């Protein structure tokens, strides 16, 4: 079977199920007028969980860690996983559980002063120094934040899809990351997170701008309205979905290791991550268009790719890397995987299609 790029886009547009259909919510990040107050930098080499630098300033700021959340952007988001970010974001909000979502409220100044005096003092100082306003603190002074949905789903597992060279998605298992540019995606079925993350990072996603050309006509960024239109297909057989789920776990781990290793073994890790990413792309493509994978290769993948290797807490980093390298060698030795390649000039679509 051979499909040109236009025909693939046409087939994707005909798919009935979208990301919006399977999501509890798709929402944008936060936006605030007072960037100096909200976004904080972690001083290099600091081991304190309460010492920060206010963005754009060199003056140290000491704040209660209960109000501080990790902040990510496209620069710190890789496919499948986040890199540690030097930034944090202060949210003077009270969060409480209510099912999947969290109710939230701005902590009134008088309560903030008693419970979080360091944050109270810093906000008051900011108001006096930068706004030249010596009146008593009011909640409207320190929090003009847009991003209601993000705060409702703080501490809820989600996918955060950010922009970079192309769309890339990382799974936030704890759910406490704050972001501005991009979309947060909370699924109705939590067990689908690894599969959907793989799809959003796949070669299929490179054609997404063509699928949503009309929605993106007036916006240069990926918005919730655009993301809801992403066509989603789930494999007809459980085996393919399980394989993609397990490989997503591998890729989350490998991308974290690539960042942690710096430049020492990054080439070797790049090659290993690229191998599993190509398998994931192949399986996703098969889920969308079908009848593409040689049964012998599928048998080999079933024999070698197991969920235990995706349990990243059960092995040391070194032994798990060795296991993933061994699995790669087994797949290459016992299948015809090498015949499957990507056509770089054809939007990365698998050349055997």
Protein backbone atom coordinates (compact mmCIF):
# COMPACT_ATOMS: atom_id res chain seq x y z
CA UNK A 1 0.00 0.00 0.00
CA UNK A 2 1.26 3.50 -0.82
CA UNK A 3 -0.43 6.71 0.22
CA UNK A 4 0.77 10.17 -0.64
CA UNK A 5 0.75 12.86 2.01
CA UNK A 6 -2.50 14.47 0.86
CA UNK A 7 -4.33 11.13 0.95
CA UNK A 8 -3.07 10.43 4.47
CA UNK A 9 -4.37 13.83 5.61
CA UNK A 10 -7.71 13.10 3.94
CA UNK A 11 -7.98 9.74 5.72
CA UNK A 12 -7.14 11.36 9.05
CA UNK A 13 -9.85 13.99 8.54
CA UNK A 14 -12.36 11.19 8.02
CA UNK A 15 -11.62 9.54 11.39
CA UNK A 16 -14.66 9.90 13.67
CA UNK A 17 -13.00 10.01 17.12
CA UNK A 18 -10.99 12.98 18.30
CA UNK A 19 -8.84 13.78 21.31
CA UNK A 20 -11.68 15.96 22.56
CA UNK A 21 -14.01 12.94 22.61
CA UNK A 22 -11.77 10.91 24.93
CA UNK A 23 -10.67 13.79 27.18
CA UNK A 24 -12.18 15.00 30.41
CA UNK A 25 -10.72 18.42 29.68
CA UNK A 26 -8.24 20.13 27.35
CA UNK A 27 -7.11 23.53 28.56
CA UNK A 28 -4.48 26.22 28.16
CA UNK A 29 -1.91 27.29 30.70
CA UNK A 30 -1.77 30.27 32.99
CA UNK A 31 -1.27 33.89 32.06
CA UNK A 32 -0.42 36.64 34.47
CA UNK A 33 0.31 40.36 34.32
CA UNK A 34 2.96 40.26 37.04
CA UNK A 35 5.70 38.04 35.64
CA UNK A 36 8.27 39.30 38.15
CA UNK A 37 6.05 38.25 41.02
CA UNK A 38 4.97 34.82 39.85
CA UNK A 39 7.81 33.11 38.00
CA UNK A 40 10.88 32.37 40.09
CA UNK A 41 14.34 31.05 39.29
CA UNK A 42 16.12 28.41 41.35
CA UNK A 43 19.66 29.65 42.17
CA UNK A 44 22.31 27.44 40.57
CA UNK A 45 23.74 24.99 43.07
CA UNK A 46 21.05 25.71 45.68
CA UNK A 47 19.82 22.77 47.74
CA UNK A 48 17.16 24.80 49.54
CA UNK A 49 13.48 24.24 48.80
CA UNK A 50 12.54 27.78 49.83
CA UNK A 51 15.23 30.01 48.28
CA UNK A 52 14.53 31.55 44.86
CA UNK A 53 15.40 34.48 42.64
CA UNK A 54 12.53 36.64 41.45
CA UNK A 55 12.53 36.55 37.64
CA UNK A 56 14.50 39.45 36.21
CA UNK A 57 16.04 40.35 39.57
CA UNK A 58 19.15 39.20 41.40
CA UNK A 59 17.71 39.58 44.88
CA UNK A 60 17.12 36.28 46.73
CA UNK A 61 13.53 35.54 47.71
CA UNK A 62 12.60 33.16 50.52
CA UNK A 63 9.11 31.69 50.19
CA UNK A 64 7.12 28.85 51.66
CA UNK A 65 7.55 25.76 49.41
CA UNK A 66 3.86 24.82 49.85
CA UNK A 67 2.95 27.63 47.44
CA UNK A 68 5.61 26.82 44.83
CA UNK A 69 5.02 24.61 41.78
CA UNK A 70 7.43 23.40 39.07
CA UNK A 71 7.17 25.43 35.88
CA UNK A 72 7.78 24.04 32.39
CA UNK A 73 7.79 25.40 28.87
CA UNK A 74 8.74 24.10 25.45
CA UNK A 75 12.40 24.57 26.34
CA UNK A 76 12.14 22.08 29.21
CA UNK A 77 9.70 19.61 27.71
CA UNK A 78 10.99 16.69 25.67
CA UNK A 79 8.99 13.97 24.01
CA UNK A 80 7.50 11.78 26.73
CA UNK A 81 9.28 13.42 29.69
CA UNK A 82 10.18 16.73 31.33
CA UNK A 83 13.67 18.01 31.97
CA UNK A 84 14.19 19.60 35.38
CA UNK A 85 13.38 23.28 35.01
CA UNK A 86 15.26 26.06 36.83
CA UNK A 87 11.94 27.89 37.20
CA UNK A 88 9.14 27.66 39.73
CA UNK A 89 5.78 29.39 39.89
CA UNK A 90 4.13 30.78 43.02
CA UNK A 91 0.39 30.29 43.35
CA UNK A 92 -1.15 31.78 46.50
CA UNK A 93 -4.18 29.53 46.21
CA UNK A 94 -5.81 27.02 48.50
CA UNK A 95 -6.50 23.72 46.74
CA UNK A 96 -8.95 21.07 47.92
CA UNK A 97 -9.94 17.71 46.47
CA UNK A 98 -13.21 17.27 44.62
CA UNK A 99 -13.09 14.12 42.52
CA UNK A 100 -10.55 14.41 39.70
CA UNK A 101 -10.54 18.19 39.90
CA UNK A 102 -9.39 20.49 42.68
CA UNK A 103 -11.41 23.38 44.01
CA UNK A 104 -9.31 26.45 44.55
CA UNK A 105 -9.56 29.88 46.11
CA UNK A 106 -7.23 32.84 46.45
CA UNK A 107 -5.85 32.95 49.98
CA UNK A 108 -7.04 36.29 51.43
CA UNK A 109 -4.25 38.67 52.49
CA UNK A 110 -5.05 38.45 56.19
CA UNK A 111 -4.93 34.64 56.06
CA UNK A 112 -1.82 34.66 53.87
CA UNK A 113 -0.06 36.88 56.42
CA UNK A 114 -0.66 34.35 59.20
CA UNK A 115 -0.08 31.09 57.32
CA UNK A 116 2.58 32.14 54.79
CA UNK A 117 4.28 35.28 56.17
CA UNK A 118 7.29 35.07 53.81
CA UNK A 119 5.07 35.04 50.71
CA UNK A 120 2.94 37.82 52.18
CA UNK A 121 5.99 39.98 52.84
CA UNK A 122 7.41 39.42 49.35
CA UNK A 123 4.11 40.30 47.62
CA UNK A 124 3.77 43.45 49.72
CA UNK A 125 7.37 44.41 48.94
CA UNK A 126 6.73 43.86 45.24
CA UNK A 127 3.66 46.07 45.38
CA UNK A 128 5.53 48.86 47.12
CA UNK A 129 8.72 48.65 45.07
CA UNK A 130 7.35 48.16 41.56
CA UNK A 131 3.83 49.55 41.71
CA UNK A 132 4.75 52.39 44.08
CA UNK A 133 1.61 51.62 46.03
CA UNK A 134 1.69 51.72 49.84
CA UNK A 135 -1.96 50.84 50.44
CA UNK A 136 -2.88 47.66 52.35
CA UNK A 137 -2.51 44.41 50.44
CA UNK A 138 -5.54 43.22 48.52
CA UNK A 139 -5.87 39.86 46.76
CA UNK A 140 -6.51 41.69 43.48
CA UNK A 141 -3.04 43.24 43.82
CA UNK A 142 -1.14 40.00 43.79
CA UNK A 143 -3.16 37.62 41.70
CA UNK A 144 -4.52 38.45 38.30
CA UNK A 145 -4.07 34.96 36.89
CA UNK A 146 -5.94 33.51 33.94
CA UNK A 147 -5.95 29.74 33.80
CA UNK A 148 -8.90 28.48 35.82
CA UNK A 149 -8.88 25.03 34.24
CA UNK A 150 -5.19 24.49 34.96
CA UNK A 151 -5.75 25.20 38.63
CA UNK A 152 -8.78 22.91 38.75
CA UNK A 153 -6.55 20.09 37.53
CA UNK A 154 -3.42 20.80 39.56
CA UNK A 155 -2.12 17.56 41.10
CA UNK A 156 -4.12 15.54 38.56
CA UNK A 157 -2.17 13.35 36.10
CA UNK A 158 -2.19 14.87 32.63
CA UNK A 159 -0.39 15.19 29.34
CA UNK A 160 1.20 18.57 28.68
CA UNK A 161 1.62 19.23 24.98
CA UNK A 162 4.06 22.05 24.29
CA UNK A 163 5.39 23.62 21.15
CA UNK A 164 8.90 23.40 19.84
CA UNK A 165 10.28 22.32 16.52
CA UNK A 166 7.01 20.41 16.35
CA UNK A 167 4.29 19.32 18.73
CA UNK A 168 5.71 17.27 21.59
CA UNK A 169 3.94 15.76 24.56
CA UNK A 170 5.16 14.79 28.03
CA UNK A 171 3.25 12.84 30.67
CA UNK A 172 2.95 14.61 34.02
CA UNK A 173 2.22 11.70 36.36
CA UNK A 174 2.00 13.84 39.53
CA UNK A 175 0.18 16.61 37.71
CA UNK A 176 1.71 19.57 39.56
CA UNK A 177 3.52 21.27 36.66
CA UNK A 178 2.46 24.81 35.79
CA UNK A 179 2.80 25.87 32.16
CA UNK A 180 1.89 28.84 30.01
CA UNK A 181 2.31 27.95 26.34
CA UNK A 182 0.71 24.67 25.32
CA UNK A 183 -2.22 22.50 26.38
CA UNK A 184 -3.01 20.32 29.34
CA UNK A 185 -4.91 17.13 28.51
CA UNK A 186 -6.81 15.14 31.15
CA UNK A 187 -8.18 11.87 29.78
CA UNK A 188 -11.39 10.14 30.81
CA UNK A 189 -9.53 6.81 31.07
CA UNK A 190 -6.19 7.21 32.89
CA UNK A 191 -4.79 3.94 31.51
CA UNK A 192 -4.78 5.54 28.03
CA UNK A 193 -2.17 8.17 28.93
CA UNK A 194 0.91 6.25 27.63
CA UNK A 195 -0.78 5.42 24.31
CA UNK A 196 -2.07 8.96 23.70
CA UNK A 197 1.33 10.42 24.66
CA UNK A 198 2.93 8.15 22.05
CA UNK A 199 0.44 9.23 19.38
CA UNK A 200 1.05 12.93 20.06
CA UNK A 201 4.81 12.33 19.71
CA UNK A 202 4.49 10.16 16.60
CA UNK A 203 5.00 10.85 12.92
CA UNK A 204 1.20 11.13 12.68
CA UNK A 205 1.41 14.36 14.70
CA UNK A 206 3.67 15.94 12.07
CA UNK A 207 0.65 16.02 9.75
CA UNK A 208 -1.66 17.45 12.40
CA UNK A 209 -1.27 21.10 11.23
CA UNK A 210 -2.57 20.02 7.81
CA UNK A 211 -5.50 18.20 9.41
CA UNK A 212 -6.43 21.28 11.45
CA UNK A 213 -5.45 23.87 8.88
CA UNK A 214 -8.71 25.82 9.26
CA UNK A 215 -8.53 25.95 13.08
CA UNK A 216 -4.89 27.08 12.96
CA UNK A 217 -5.47 29.72 10.31
CA UNK A 218 -5.74 32.54 12.84
CA UNK A 219 -3.37 31.17 15.46
CA UNK A 220 0.30 30.32 15.32
CA UNK A 221 0.10 28.25 18.51
CA UNK A 222 -1.54 25.00 19.49
CA UNK A 223 -4.70 25.93 21.39
CA UNK A 224 -7.21 23.73 23.25
CA UNK A 225 -9.71 24.19 20.40
CA UNK A 226 -7.14 22.89 17.94
CA UNK A 227 -6.02 19.99 20.14
CA UNK A 228 -9.60 18.79 20.53
CA UNK A 229 -9.63 18.15 16.76
CA UNK A 230 -6.68 15.72 16.87
CA UNK A 231 -7.93 12.44 15.32
CA UNK A 232 -7.46 9.47 17.66
CA UNK A 233 -7.52 5.80 16.69
CA UNK A 234 -7.04 2.95 19.14
CA UNK A 235 -5.64 -0.39 17.92
CA UNK A 236 -8.15 -3.11 17.19
CA UNK A 237 -6.05 -5.65 19.08
CA UNK A 238 -4.94 -5.29 22.68
CA UNK A 239 -1.41 -6.46 21.87
CA UNK A 240 -0.52 -3.38 19.81
CA UNK A 241 -1.82 -0.98 22.44
CA UNK A 242 0.04 -2.83 25.20
CA UNK A 243 3.27 -2.72 23.19
CA UNK A 244 2.92 1.04 22.63
CA UNK A 245 2.12 1.55 26.32
CA UNK A 246 5.24 -0.36 27.39
CA UNK A 247 7.45 1.45 24.89
CA UNK A 248 6.12 4.80 26.14
CA UNK A 249 7.47 3.84 29.55
CA UNK A 250 10.84 3.04 28.00
CA UNK A 251 10.93 6.40 26.22
CA UNK A 252 9.97 8.37 29.32
CA UNK A 253 12.89 6.76 31.11
CA UNK A 254 15.35 7.14 28.21
CA UNK A 255 14.61 10.82 27.68
CA UNK A 256 15.14 11.49 31.38
CA UNK A 257 18.45 9.62 31.20
CA UNK A 258 19.51 11.61 28.13
CA UNK A 259 19.15 14.83 30.09
CA UNK A 260 20.82 13.47 33.22
CA UNK A 261 23.82 12.13 31.28
CA UNK A 262 24.72 15.50 29.75
CA UNK A 263 27.16 15.00 26.90
CA UNK A 264 28.94 11.89 28.19
CA UNK A 265 26.85 9.15 26.56
CA UNK A 266 24.14 11.17 24.85
CA UNK A 267 24.95 9.75 21.39
CA UNK A 268 24.44 6.18 22.56
CA UNK A 269 21.25 7.12 24.38
CA UNK A 270 19.98 9.04 21.36
CA UNK A 271 20.41 5.93 19.24
CA UNK A 272 18.66 3.71 21.78
CA UNK A 273 15.77 6.17 22.24
CA UNK A 274 15.50 6.59 18.46
CA UNK A 275 15.18 2.83 18.03
CA UNK A 276 12.23 2.55 20.43
CA UNK A 277 10.66 5.71 19.05
CA UNK A 278 10.73 4.18 15.57
CA UNK A 279 8.99 1.06 16.85
CA UNK A 280 6.37 3.22 18.57
CA UNK A 281 5.82 5.20 15.35
CA UNK A 282 5.48 1.97 13.39
CA UNK A 283 2.87 0.59 15.79
CA UNK A 284 0.93 3.87 15.88
CA UNK A 285 0.93 4.02 12.09
CA UNK A 286 -0.37 0.44 12.01
CA UNK A 287 -3.16 1.39 14.44
CA UNK A 288 -4.22 4.26 12.16
CA UNK A 289 -3.93 2.56 8.76
CA UNK A 290 -3.64 -1.19 9.50
CA UNK A 291 -2.04 -4.22 7.85
CA UNK A 292 1.45 -2.74 7.76
CA UNK A 293 3.52 -4.86 10.12
CA UNK A 294 4.99 -8.22 9.22
CA UNK A 295 3.57 -10.86 11.61
CA UNK A 296 7.12 -12.09 12.30
CA UNK A 297 8.12 -8.66 13.59
CA UNK A 298 4.96 -8.42 15.69
CA UNK A 299 5.75 -11.82 17.25
CA UNK A 300 9.28 -10.65 18.02
CA UNK A 301 8.00 -7.48 19.70
CA UNK A 302 5.49 -9.46 21.74
CA UNK A 303 8.24 -11.84 22.85
CA UNK A 304 10.70 -9.16 23.93
CA UNK A 305 8.83 -6.01 25.02
CA UNK A 306 7.37 -6.58 28.47
CA UNK A 307 5.81 -4.28 31.05
CA UNK A 308 8.28 -5.20 33.78
CA UNK A 309 11.03 -3.29 31.95
CA UNK A 310 8.72 -0.30 31.92
CA UNK A 311 8.51 -0.35 35.73
CA UNK A 312 11.17 2.27 36.24
CA UNK A 313 11.19 1.93 40.02
CA UNK A 314 12.12 -1.75 39.97
CA UNK A 315 15.60 -1.46 38.46
CA UNK A 316 18.69 0.70 38.84
CA UNK A 317 19.34 3.06 35.94
CA UNK A 318 22.37 1.11 34.74
CA UNK A 319 20.70 -2.28 34.77
CA UNK A 320 17.57 -0.95 33.09
CA UNK A 321 19.62 0.65 30.32
CA UNK A 322 21.35 -2.70 29.82
CA UNK A 323 17.98 -4.45 29.61
CA UNK A 324 16.70 -1.99 27.01
CA UNK A 325 19.89 -2.38 24.95
CA UNK A 326 19.58 -6.19 25.15
CA UNK A 327 15.94 -6.04 24.02
CA UNK A 328 17.01 -3.92 21.06
CA UNK A 329 19.64 -6.47 20.02
CA UNK A 330 17.13 -9.31 20.32
CA UNK A 331 14.62 -7.50 18.10
CA UNK A 332 17.23 -6.72 15.45
CA UNK A 333 18.57 -10.28 15.47
CA UNK A 334 15.25 -12.10 15.27
CA UNK A 335 13.13 -9.92 12.96
CA UNK A 336 13.14 -7.96 9.73
CA UNK A 337 12.76 -4.64 11.56
CA UNK A 338 15.55 -2.99 9.54
CA UNK A 339 13.38 -2.95 6.42
CA UNK A 340 11.05 -0.42 8.05
CA UNK A 341 12.37 3.10 7.62
CA UNK A 342 11.28 6.72 7.43
CA UNK A 343 11.29 8.89 4.35
CA UNK A 344 12.80 12.17 5.55
CA UNK A 345 11.54 14.01 2.48
CA UNK A 346 7.97 12.83 2.96
CA UNK A 347 7.09 14.42 6.31
CA UNK A 348 8.71 11.49 8.08
CA UNK A 349 5.96 9.09 7.04
CA UNK A 350 7.07 5.49 6.99
CA UNK A 351 8.49 4.78 3.57
CA UNK A 352 6.92 1.34 3.28
CA UNK A 353 3.39 2.80 3.22
